Protein backbone atom coordinates (compact mmCIF):
# COMPACT_ATOMS: atom_id res chain seq x y z
CA MET A 1 -0.95 21.64 46.34
CA GLU A 2 2.72 21.78 47.23
CA SER A 3 5.35 19.24 46.61
CA SER A 4 8.50 18.44 48.31
CA ILE A 5 12.21 18.35 48.04
CA TYR A 6 14.54 16.72 50.28
CA GLN A 7 17.72 14.70 50.49
CA GLY A 8 17.31 10.93 51.27
CA HIS A 9 19.90 9.02 53.32
CA ASP A 10 21.35 7.60 49.87
CA GLY A 11 22.59 11.27 49.01
CA ARG A 12 20.40 11.67 46.29
CA TRP A 13 17.42 14.22 45.75
CA HIS A 14 13.93 13.49 46.40
CA GLY A 15 10.70 15.05 44.67
CA ARG A 16 7.51 14.30 45.74
CA VAL A 17 4.94 15.90 43.95
CA THR A 18 0.76 15.62 44.04
CA MET A 19 -1.19 15.36 41.11
CA GLY A 20 -4.64 14.58 42.70
CA LEU A 21 -6.82 11.58 43.49
CA LYS A 22 -6.63 8.64 42.37
CA ALA A 23 -9.97 6.01 41.55
CA ASN A 24 -9.89 4.90 44.87
CA GLY A 25 -10.28 8.63 46.39
CA SER A 26 -6.36 8.13 47.66
CA PRO A 27 -3.73 10.80 47.45
CA ASP A 28 -1.55 10.59 43.86
CA ARG A 29 1.76 11.44 44.14
CA ARG A 30 4.25 11.05 41.95
CA HIS A 31 8.12 10.65 42.61
CA ARG A 32 10.96 12.03 40.30
CA SER A 33 14.65 11.94 41.86
CA ALA A 34 18.07 13.22 40.76
CA ALA A 35 21.83 13.53 41.85
CA THR A 36 21.53 17.46 42.72
CA GLU A 37 19.13 19.75 44.00
CA THR A 38 18.92 21.90 40.68
CA GLU A 39 17.90 18.70 38.66
CA VAL A 40 14.91 17.39 40.80
CA LYS A 41 13.99 20.94 41.32
CA ARG A 42 14.00 21.18 37.25
CA LYS A 43 11.90 17.46 37.03
CA VAL A 44 9.41 18.48 39.92
CA LYS A 45 8.88 21.84 37.77
CA GLU A 46 7.76 19.95 34.44
CA LEU A 47 5.85 17.41 36.12
CA GLU A 48 4.16 20.19 38.17
CA LYS A 49 3.26 21.88 34.76
CA LEU A 50 1.60 18.60 32.88
CA ARG A 51 -0.45 18.76 36.06
CA ASP A 52 -1.80 21.94 35.46
CA GLU A 53 -1.96 21.62 31.70
CA GLN A 54 -3.64 18.54 32.48
CA ARG A 55 -1.17 16.63 30.08
CA ALA A 56 0.02 14.55 32.96
CA PRO A 57 0.20 10.86 32.37
CA LYS A 58 -2.01 8.19 34.44
CA ALA A 59 -0.19 7.32 37.26
CA GLY A 60 -0.03 3.09 37.20
CA ARG A 61 3.20 0.88 35.23
CA VAL A 62 3.51 1.77 31.64
CA PRO A 63 3.27 -0.56 29.98
CA THR A 64 5.89 -1.72 27.28
CA VAL A 65 5.82 -1.11 23.38
CA GLY A 66 5.18 -4.57 22.95
CA GLN A 67 2.35 -4.57 25.37
CA TRP A 68 0.90 -1.56 23.76
CA MET A 69 1.25 -2.87 20.10
CA ASP A 70 -0.82 -6.02 21.19
CA THR A 71 -2.91 -4.02 23.29
CA TYR A 72 -3.51 -1.48 19.90
CA LEU A 73 -3.86 -3.66 17.05
CA THR A 74 -6.58 -6.10 18.87
CA THR A 75 -9.10 -3.85 20.92
CA ILE A 76 -8.72 -0.59 18.90
CA ALA A 77 -7.36 -0.73 14.90
CA SER A 78 -9.08 -4.19 14.69
CA LEU A 79 -12.48 -1.93 14.96
CA THR A 80 -11.53 0.22 12.11
CA LEU A 81 -8.93 -1.12 9.94
CA LYS A 82 -10.14 -3.47 6.93
CA PRO A 83 -8.87 -7.04 7.54
CA ARG A 84 -5.88 -6.80 4.91
CA SER A 85 -4.40 -3.51 6.52
CA LEU A 86 -4.67 -4.93 10.10
CA ASP A 87 -2.64 -8.73 8.60
CA ASP A 88 -0.06 -6.02 7.21
CA TYR A 89 -0.05 -4.05 10.94
CA TRP A 90 0.40 -7.43 12.79
CA SER A 91 3.50 -8.47 10.59
CA LYS A 92 5.10 -6.00 10.78
CA THR A 93 4.87 -5.52 14.77
CA ARG A 94 5.98 -9.24 15.03
CA ASN A 95 8.69 -9.00 12.90
CA ASP A 96 10.14 -5.14 12.84
CA ILE A 97 8.82 -3.12 16.25
CA ILE A 98 8.78 -6.24 18.83
CA PRO A 99 11.96 -7.47 18.04
CA SER A 100 13.66 -4.01 18.29
CA ILE A 101 11.65 -1.90 20.61
CA GLY A 102 9.02 -4.51 22.30
CA GLN A 103 11.04 -4.65 25.50
CA HIS A 104 11.14 -0.47 26.22
CA ARG A 105 8.58 1.11 28.55
CA LEU A 106 6.36 3.76 26.43
CA ASN A 107 7.69 6.41 28.54
CA LYS A 108 11.51 5.32 28.24
CA LEU A 109 10.91 5.16 24.40
CA GLU A 110 13.41 7.78 23.03
CA PRO A 111 13.73 9.28 19.28
CA GLU A 112 17.34 7.39 19.28
CA HIS A 113 15.75 4.11 19.94
CA LEU A 114 13.71 4.33 16.47
CA GLU A 115 15.98 5.47 14.66
CA THR A 116 18.79 2.76 15.45
CA MET A 117 15.55 -0.22 14.26
CA TYR A 118 14.73 2.10 11.06
CA ALA A 119 18.85 1.82 10.23
CA ALA A 120 18.98 -1.43 11.58
CA MET A 121 16.57 -2.24 8.87
CA LEU A 122 17.68 -0.71 5.81
CA ARG A 123 21.07 -2.40 6.74
CA GLU A 124 19.01 -5.89 6.93
CA GLY A 125 17.79 -5.07 2.78
CA HIS A 126 14.32 -3.51 3.79
CA ALA A 127 13.14 -1.38 1.31
CA PRO A 128 12.48 2.36 2.57
CA SER A 129 8.65 1.72 1.49
CA HIS A 130 8.86 -1.15 4.52
CA VAL A 131 10.43 1.34 7.20
CA LEU A 132 7.81 4.15 6.22
CA LYS A 133 5.01 1.49 6.91
CA VAL A 134 6.50 0.45 10.20
CA HIS A 135 7.06 4.14 11.41
CA ARG A 136 3.35 4.94 10.44
CA ILE A 137 1.84 2.21 12.24
CA LEU A 138 4.04 2.97 15.27
CA SER A 139 3.31 6.91 15.05
CA ARG A 140 -0.29 5.87 15.32
CA ALA A 141 -0.20 3.46 18.27
CA LEU A 142 1.62 6.09 20.00
CA LYS A 143 -0.73 9.04 18.95
CA ILE A 144 -3.44 6.86 20.80
CA ALA A 145 -1.63 6.41 23.81
CA HIS A 146 -0.85 9.65 23.81
CA ARG A 147 -4.23 11.00 23.65
CA ARG A 148 -5.02 8.19 26.80
CA ARG A 149 -2.33 10.28 28.55
CA MET A 150 -0.23 7.23 29.25
CA ILE A 151 2.65 9.04 27.53
CA VAL A 152 4.19 12.64 27.56
CA GLU A 153 4.46 12.95 24.15
CA ASN A 154 4.70 11.14 21.00
CA VAL A 155 8.23 10.39 20.09
CA ALA A 156 7.33 9.23 16.28
CA THR A 157 6.82 12.63 15.91
CA LEU A 158 10.16 13.85 16.51
CA VAL A 159 12.07 11.10 14.24
CA ASP A 160 11.82 11.80 10.53
CA PRO A 161 11.54 8.40 8.67
CA PRO A 162 13.90 7.24 5.25
CA THR A 163 12.02 9.10 1.98
CA VAL A 164 10.47 7.34 -0.50
CA ASP A 165 10.55 7.88 -4.24
CA GLU A 166 7.46 6.84 -6.03
CA THR A 167 7.46 3.85 -8.23
CA GLU A 168 7.51 4.45 -11.50
CA ALA A 169 4.50 3.22 -13.80
CA ASN A 170 4.93 1.52 -16.64
CA PRO A 171 1.78 1.17 -18.29
CA PHE A 172 0.74 -1.02 -22.10
CA THR A 173 1.00 1.54 -25.00
CA GLN A 174 -1.68 0.76 -26.93
CA GLU A 175 -0.27 -1.29 -29.35
CA GLU A 176 1.11 -3.97 -26.18
CA ALA A 177 -2.18 -3.81 -24.97
CA ARG A 178 -3.59 -4.87 -28.00
CA THR A 179 -0.97 -7.30 -28.26
CA PHE A 180 -1.60 -8.54 -24.91
CA LEU A 181 -5.10 -9.38 -25.18
CA GLU A 182 -4.35 -10.74 -28.61
CA ALA A 183 -2.39 -13.17 -26.70
CA ALA A 184 -5.38 -13.59 -23.80
CA ALA A 185 -8.00 -14.27 -26.46
CA LYS A 186 -6.63 -17.96 -26.99
CA ARG A 187 -7.41 -18.46 -23.29
CA PRO A 188 -10.67 -19.12 -21.42
CA THR A 189 -9.87 -16.16 -18.89
CA PHE A 190 -9.85 -13.68 -22.06
CA ALA A 191 -12.92 -11.73 -20.42
CA ARG A 192 -10.89 -11.52 -16.73
CA TRP A 193 -7.71 -9.58 -18.94
CA LEU A 194 -10.64 -7.44 -21.07
CA VAL A 195 -12.20 -6.24 -18.17
CA GLY A 196 -8.65 -5.53 -16.43
CA VAL A 197 -6.65 -4.28 -18.74
CA GLY A 198 -9.49 -2.26 -20.61
CA MET A 199 -11.35 -1.26 -17.27
CA GLY A 200 -8.37 -0.48 -14.83
CA PHE A 201 -10.14 -2.74 -11.71
CA ARG A 202 -7.50 -4.11 -9.24
CA GLN A 203 -7.07 -7.54 -8.85
CA GLY A 204 -9.09 -8.10 -5.95
CA GLU A 205 -11.77 -6.13 -7.34
CA THR A 206 -11.91 -8.12 -10.92
CA LEU A 207 -11.70 -11.58 -9.17
CA GLY A 208 -14.13 -10.51 -6.44
CA MET A 209 -17.18 -9.44 -9.18
CA ARG A 210 -20.25 -11.42 -9.06
CA TRP A 211 -22.70 -12.31 -11.38
CA LYS A 212 -25.22 -10.37 -8.78
CA TYR A 213 -23.43 -7.07 -9.77
CA VAL A 214 -23.57 -6.82 -13.59
CA ASP A 215 -25.94 -5.48 -15.08
CA LEU A 216 -25.18 -6.35 -18.73
CA GLU A 217 -28.41 -4.48 -19.80
CA ALA A 218 -27.48 -1.58 -18.74
CA GLY A 219 -24.09 -1.70 -19.50
CA LEU A 220 -23.09 -1.39 -15.52
CA PHE A 221 -20.50 -2.77 -12.77
CA HIS A 222 -20.82 -2.63 -9.44
CA PRO A 223 -17.68 -3.37 -7.76
CA ARG A 224 -19.33 -4.18 -4.24
CA TRP A 225 -16.75 -6.82 -3.37
CA GLN A 226 -13.11 -7.84 -3.69
CA LEU A 227 -11.23 -11.22 -3.47
CA GLN A 228 -8.36 -11.52 -1.00
CA ARG A 229 -6.31 -13.88 0.49
CA LEU A 230 -6.27 -13.08 4.89
CA THR A 231 -3.47 -14.56 7.09
CA TRP A 232 -5.40 -17.39 9.66
CA ARG A 233 -5.76 -16.95 13.06
CA HIS A 234 -5.73 -19.60 15.93
CA GLY A 235 -8.96 -20.72 16.75
CA CYS A 236 -7.78 -22.47 19.81
CA THR A 237 -6.93 -21.93 23.34
CA ASP A 238 -2.99 -22.26 22.89
CA PRO A 239 -1.92 -21.22 19.99
CA HIS A 240 1.67 -21.96 21.25
CA ARG A 241 0.97 -25.39 21.83
CA CYS A 242 -0.90 -26.00 19.27
CA GLY A 243 2.07 -24.88 16.60
CA GLU A 244 4.75 -27.24 18.26
CA ARG A 245 5.62 -29.61 16.67
CA LEU A 246 6.17 -26.39 13.58
CA HIS A 247 8.43 -24.67 15.96
CA ARG A 248 12.22 -23.76 15.32
CA PHE A 249 14.27 -21.90 17.78
CA GLU A 250 17.59 -22.65 16.03
CA SER A 251 18.48 -21.05 12.75
CA CYS A 252 19.77 -22.59 9.80
CA PRO A 253 23.40 -22.87 9.53
CA PRO A 254 24.86 -20.53 6.62
CA THR A 255 25.63 -23.26 4.53
CA CYS A 256 22.22 -24.63 4.98
CA THR A 257 20.67 -26.21 1.55
CA THR A 258 17.03 -26.84 3.09
CA HIS A 259 16.08 -23.50 1.83
CA LYS A 260 17.68 -22.86 -1.36
CA GLY A 261 14.58 -22.19 -3.23
CA TYR A 262 13.30 -20.01 -0.91
CA LYS A 263 13.02 -16.71 -2.57
CA ARG A 264 13.28 -15.04 1.02
CA GLY A 265 15.76 -17.23 2.12
CA CYS A 266 15.91 -19.05 5.28
CA PRO A 267 12.60 -18.56 7.37
CA LYS A 268 13.22 -17.13 11.21
CA SER A 269 13.44 -18.88 14.09
CA CYS A 270 10.59 -18.91 16.24
CA GLU A 271 10.35 -17.06 19.38
CA LYS A 272 10.15 -19.00 22.78
CA THR A 273 6.95 -17.97 23.33
CA CYS A 274 6.01 -18.13 19.70
CA THR A 275 2.41 -18.27 18.42
CA LYS A 276 2.64 -18.34 14.45
CA HIS A 277 1.37 -21.26 12.53
CA ALA A 278 -1.98 -20.82 12.54
CA SER A 279 -2.41 -22.16 9.06
CA THR A 280 -2.38 -25.36 10.67
CA CYS A 281 -4.72 -25.30 13.53
CA PRO A 282 -7.75 -27.28 13.70
CA GLU A 283 -9.94 -24.65 14.25
CA ARG A 284 -7.94 -21.83 12.68
CA LYS A 285 -10.14 -18.89 11.61
CA GLY A 286 -10.47 -15.62 9.26
CA GLY A 287 -7.89 -16.90 6.30
CA GLY A 288 -7.67 -17.56 2.98
CA LEU A 289 -9.42 -16.71 0.57
CA VAL A 290 -11.81 -13.88 1.95
CA PHE A 291 -14.65 -11.44 0.16
CA THR A 292 -14.55 -8.01 2.02
CA ARG A 293 -15.75 -4.76 1.00
CA PRO A 294 -13.68 -2.35 -1.00
CA LYS A 295 -11.31 0.36 1.09
CA THR A 296 -13.76 3.49 -0.03
CA LYS A 297 -17.30 4.45 -0.68
CA LYS A 298 -15.54 5.73 -4.00
CA SER A 299 -14.53 2.44 -4.67
CA LYS A 300 -18.12 0.74 -4.82
CA GLU A 301 -19.51 3.10 -7.60
CA PRO A 302 -20.76 1.86 -10.63
CA VAL A 303 -18.49 1.64 -13.83
CA PRO A 304 -20.21 1.77 -17.41
CA ILE A 305 -18.94 -1.24 -19.69
CA PRO A 306 -17.82 -0.45 -23.25
CA PRO A 307 -19.99 -2.02 -25.19
CA PRO A 308 -18.16 -4.24 -27.32
CA PHE A 309 -17.26 -6.18 -23.67
CA VAL A 310 -20.80 -6.81 -23.27
CA GLN A 311 -20.62 -10.01 -25.59
CA PRO A 312 -17.68 -11.72 -24.48
CA LEU A 313 -19.25 -11.09 -20.90
CA ARG A 314 -22.52 -13.26 -22.44
CA ASP A 315 -20.01 -15.60 -23.85
CA LEU A 316 -18.45 -16.19 -20.15
CA ARG A 317 -21.96 -16.84 -18.54
CA ALA A 318 -22.36 -19.18 -21.64
CA LEU A 319 -19.21 -21.19 -20.80
CA GLN A 320 -19.53 -21.32 -17.08
CA GLU A 321 -23.02 -22.78 -17.47
CA GLN A 322 -21.16 -25.64 -19.18
CA ASP A 323 -18.53 -25.66 -16.62
CA ARG A 324 -21.30 -25.82 -14.14
CA ALA A 325 -23.55 -28.99 -15.50
CA ALA A 326 -19.98 -31.13 -16.30
CA ALA A 327 -18.93 -30.44 -12.46
CA GLY A 328 -22.52 -31.79 -11.04
CA GLU A 329 -22.24 -32.18 -7.57
CA LEU A 330 -18.49 -31.11 -7.29
CA TRP A 331 -19.95 -27.43 -8.37
CA GLN A 332 -19.30 -24.64 -5.49
CA GLU A 333 -21.64 -21.91 -5.82
CA HIS A 334 -19.70 -18.39 -5.39
CA ASP A 335 -21.50 -16.34 -8.38
CA VAL A 336 -18.18 -15.02 -9.55
CA LEU A 337 -17.62 -13.96 -13.46
CA PHE A 338 -14.11 -15.51 -13.14
CA ALA A 339 -14.18 -19.10 -11.55
CA ARG A 340 -12.58 -21.99 -11.64
CA PRO A 341 -13.77 -25.17 -13.11
CA ASP A 342 -15.49 -26.20 -10.15
CA GLY A 343 -16.91 -22.90 -9.31
CA ARG A 344 -14.28 -21.40 -6.98
CA PRO A 345 -12.94 -18.23 -7.57
CA LEU A 346 -9.58 -18.04 -8.90
CA ASP A 347 -6.72 -17.82 -7.04
CA PRO A 348 -4.44 -14.34 -7.12
CA ARG A 349 -1.09 -16.09 -7.16
CA GLN A 350 -2.02 -18.05 -9.87
CA ASP A 351 -4.07 -14.85 -11.92
CA TRP A 352 -0.72 -12.95 -11.92
CA GLU A 353 1.36 -16.44 -12.71
CA GLU A 354 -0.85 -16.19 -15.74
CA PHE A 355 -0.16 -12.40 -16.32
CA LYS A 356 3.63 -13.22 -16.61
CA GLU A 357 3.21 -16.14 -19.09
CA LEU A 358 1.25 -13.80 -20.92
CA LEU A 359 3.72 -11.16 -20.82
CA ASP A 360 6.56 -13.25 -22.21
CA GLU A 361 3.87 -14.73 -25.07
CA ALA A 362 3.08 -10.82 -26.42
CA GLY A 363 6.60 -10.22 -26.38
CA ILE A 364 5.79 -7.55 -23.76
CA ASP A 365 9.03 -6.62 -20.54
CA ASP A 366 8.20 -7.74 -17.08
CA ARG A 367 6.53 -5.40 -15.75
CA ARG A 368 3.78 -5.15 -12.33
CA LEU A 369 0.39 -6.25 -12.92
CA TYR A 370 -0.59 -3.22 -11.79
CA ASP A 371 1.17 -1.51 -14.63
CA GLY A 372 -0.64 -3.78 -16.90
CA SER A 373 -4.17 -3.12 -15.37
CA ARG A 374 -4.57 0.15 -13.84
CA HIS A 375 -2.19 2.25 -14.93
CA THR A 376 -2.63 0.93 -18.49
CA ALA A 377 -6.53 2.12 -18.64
CA GLY A 378 -6.03 5.56 -17.01
CA THR A 379 -2.67 6.35 -19.35
CA ILE A 380 -4.64 5.02 -22.61
CA LEU A 381 -8.03 7.26 -21.26
CA ASN A 382 -5.82 10.31 -21.02
CA GLU A 383 -3.85 9.67 -24.72
CA LEU A 384 -7.62 9.24 -25.70
CA GLY A 385 -8.54 13.19 -24.75
CA VAL A 386 -10.50 11.75 -21.69
CA PRO A 387 -10.73 15.06 -19.56
CA LEU A 388 -8.46 13.91 -15.88
CA VAL A 389 -11.97 14.23 -13.86
CA THR A 390 -13.40 11.54 -16.08
CA ILE A 391 -10.82 9.47 -15.73
CA MET A 392 -10.44 9.83 -11.95
CA GLU A 393 -14.75 8.81 -11.96
CA ILE A 394 -13.67 5.32 -13.95
CA LEU A 395 -10.48 4.71 -12.25
CA ARG A 396 -13.21 5.75 -8.53
CA HIS A 397 -10.51 7.66 -7.22
CA THR A 398 -11.51 9.98 -4.11
CA GLN A 399 -8.91 13.06 -5.62
CA VAL A 400 -7.88 14.08 -8.86
CA THR A 401 -4.41 14.49 -7.70
CA GLN A 402 -4.06 10.96 -7.13
CA THR A 403 -5.37 10.21 -10.69
CA ARG A 404 -2.51 12.16 -12.14
CA ARG A 405 0.16 10.09 -10.56
CA TYR A 406 -1.59 6.65 -12.45
CA VAL A 407 -1.80 8.70 -15.56
CA LYS A 408 1.68 8.47 -17.23
CA GLY A 409 2.72 10.98 -20.21
CA ARG A 410 3.60 9.37 -23.11
CA SER A 411 6.96 11.07 -25.10
CA GLU A 412 4.70 11.15 -28.94
CA GLN A 413 2.61 13.62 -27.09
CA SER A 414 5.28 15.68 -25.38
CA VAL A 415 6.99 16.34 -28.64
CA ASP A 416 3.42 16.99 -30.65
CA ALA A 417 2.46 19.26 -27.55
CA MET A 418 6.36 21.13 -28.17
CA ARG A 419 5.93 21.17 -31.52
CA ARG A 420 2.44 23.44 -31.11
CA MET A 421 4.34 25.64 -28.47
CA GLY A 422 6.54 26.69 -31.27
CA GLU A 423 3.93 27.40 -33.52
CA ALA A 424 1.91 29.48 -31.54
CA PHE A 425 4.80 31.60 -30.45
CA LEU A 426 7.47 31.55 -33.40
CA PRO A 427 5.72 30.90 -36.51
CA GLN A 428 7.73 33.06 -38.24
CA LEU A 429 10.80 31.00 -37.69
CA LEU A 430 9.68 27.93 -38.94
CA PRO A 431 10.80 26.11 -41.59
CA LYS A 432 8.55 26.97 -45.23
CA PRO A 433 7.17 24.71 -47.49
CA GLU A 434 9.88 23.70 -49.93
CA GLN A 435 9.70 26.87 -53.16
CA PRO A 436 9.70 25.51 -56.83
CA ILE A 437 13.20 25.38 -58.02
CA GLU A 438 14.52 28.83 -59.27
CA ASP A 439 15.51 29.56 -63.05
CA ARG A 440 18.88 30.63 -63.42
CA SER A 441 18.34 31.70 -66.94
CA LYS A 442 16.64 34.65 -64.65
CA SER A 443 18.03 38.54 -64.90
CA SER A 444 20.52 39.87 -63.39
CA ASP A 445 17.71 42.35 -61.35
CA SER A 446 16.66 38.35 -59.76
CA ARG A 447 20.70 37.74 -58.86
CA SER A 448 21.06 40.95 -57.32
CA ALA A 449 18.07 40.57 -55.17
CA ARG A 450 19.26 37.04 -54.17
CA SER A 451 22.38 38.10 -53.37
CA ARG A 452 21.04 41.29 -50.99
CA LEU A 453 18.95 38.79 -49.25
CA ARG A 454 21.94 36.69 -48.46
CA ARG A 455 23.85 39.47 -46.50
CA ARG A 456 21.07 40.06 -45.23
CA ILE A 457 20.49 36.45 -43.60
CA ARG A 458 23.99 36.72 -42.52
């Protein structure tokens, strides 16, 4: 299959490369052009090489980044991602990727486009970890496009995303954990914090626990479900018109007072084709508080219940029976351990706010909920001498390297370890026990011996 090169009437050089046959049986001829004959020959040779290596992109108009991200998230990623992860992918695509590079064709996307986008996000105040997540989402989507021969190369692999420093864990000390639980013991939700701090369950796993999967006789928890808040999706046929009364196409003025109390400042203005505001859709679906499966198979493995925790859980069940009787017909059965007075699961936001209140009551410095539960359990188990592999089983990690990041060493342990190191290597130089005070009325021979000893030491 020979290629042809010629100069057109416009003065530019053109190349035609035969790639094979299209699906309808007609010849697939690709066009390349350049200002000089040398340049067009180079382009033709590159295309011929891709053809011979069977890496040439498919014929047809290549979609834009925005079009491909919509296809990728709707028909590809939705088959494998958990609902919460898919929500996160959609959010970062709508808010970061499409506004910046969504108009570029996939085959015209350059590394500089990505680097410019990342730099702009950092200037706007986004954390490096946020930018890194955007990079990974885009890189995955481009990898699929490259695998399907829509593009020649995944340009995301040519870009170095921002480096992210691992968040320093700040778990409770054993004394702080006891003080925290003493404050929690005054509340009806005491068992929830006992399980969270004492067993290291994630918030979603704790709030999603059901009595069906709790065996108090055998002393085992079976974490089969977790509670998560998902973003609502439109169930109507015209999302743009559905949210018409909520569209805001103009940005707030610099002196805006309407959103003064908003933590994230004024909301962004809507795009001309906005399809958001699904929470108000009469036919909304897939959002709100939802029970989902744990992310990995390891997360579903049973966890032993500490024997002292069994009685508080029995008391919790008895208290819940009283709430069910008091609520009567208003009771909503969800079979959860930690429920509101009407049977509904606890709201994760209210649960987080209660954690902050308990920190204040206990006089403990502010920290993340993850630090006060999962990191605390792993660290205290380590201090109690539990092997790292066993801690991995309790926290249900897939790799021990992941467990090491959860276990924070204490300074007291380091001091004790280095003391024992010194005793092992240089015991002769360590301070000796104090000797009885010597009687100064001893003979001159003793005085001369002490003098010789002092000279040796000097």
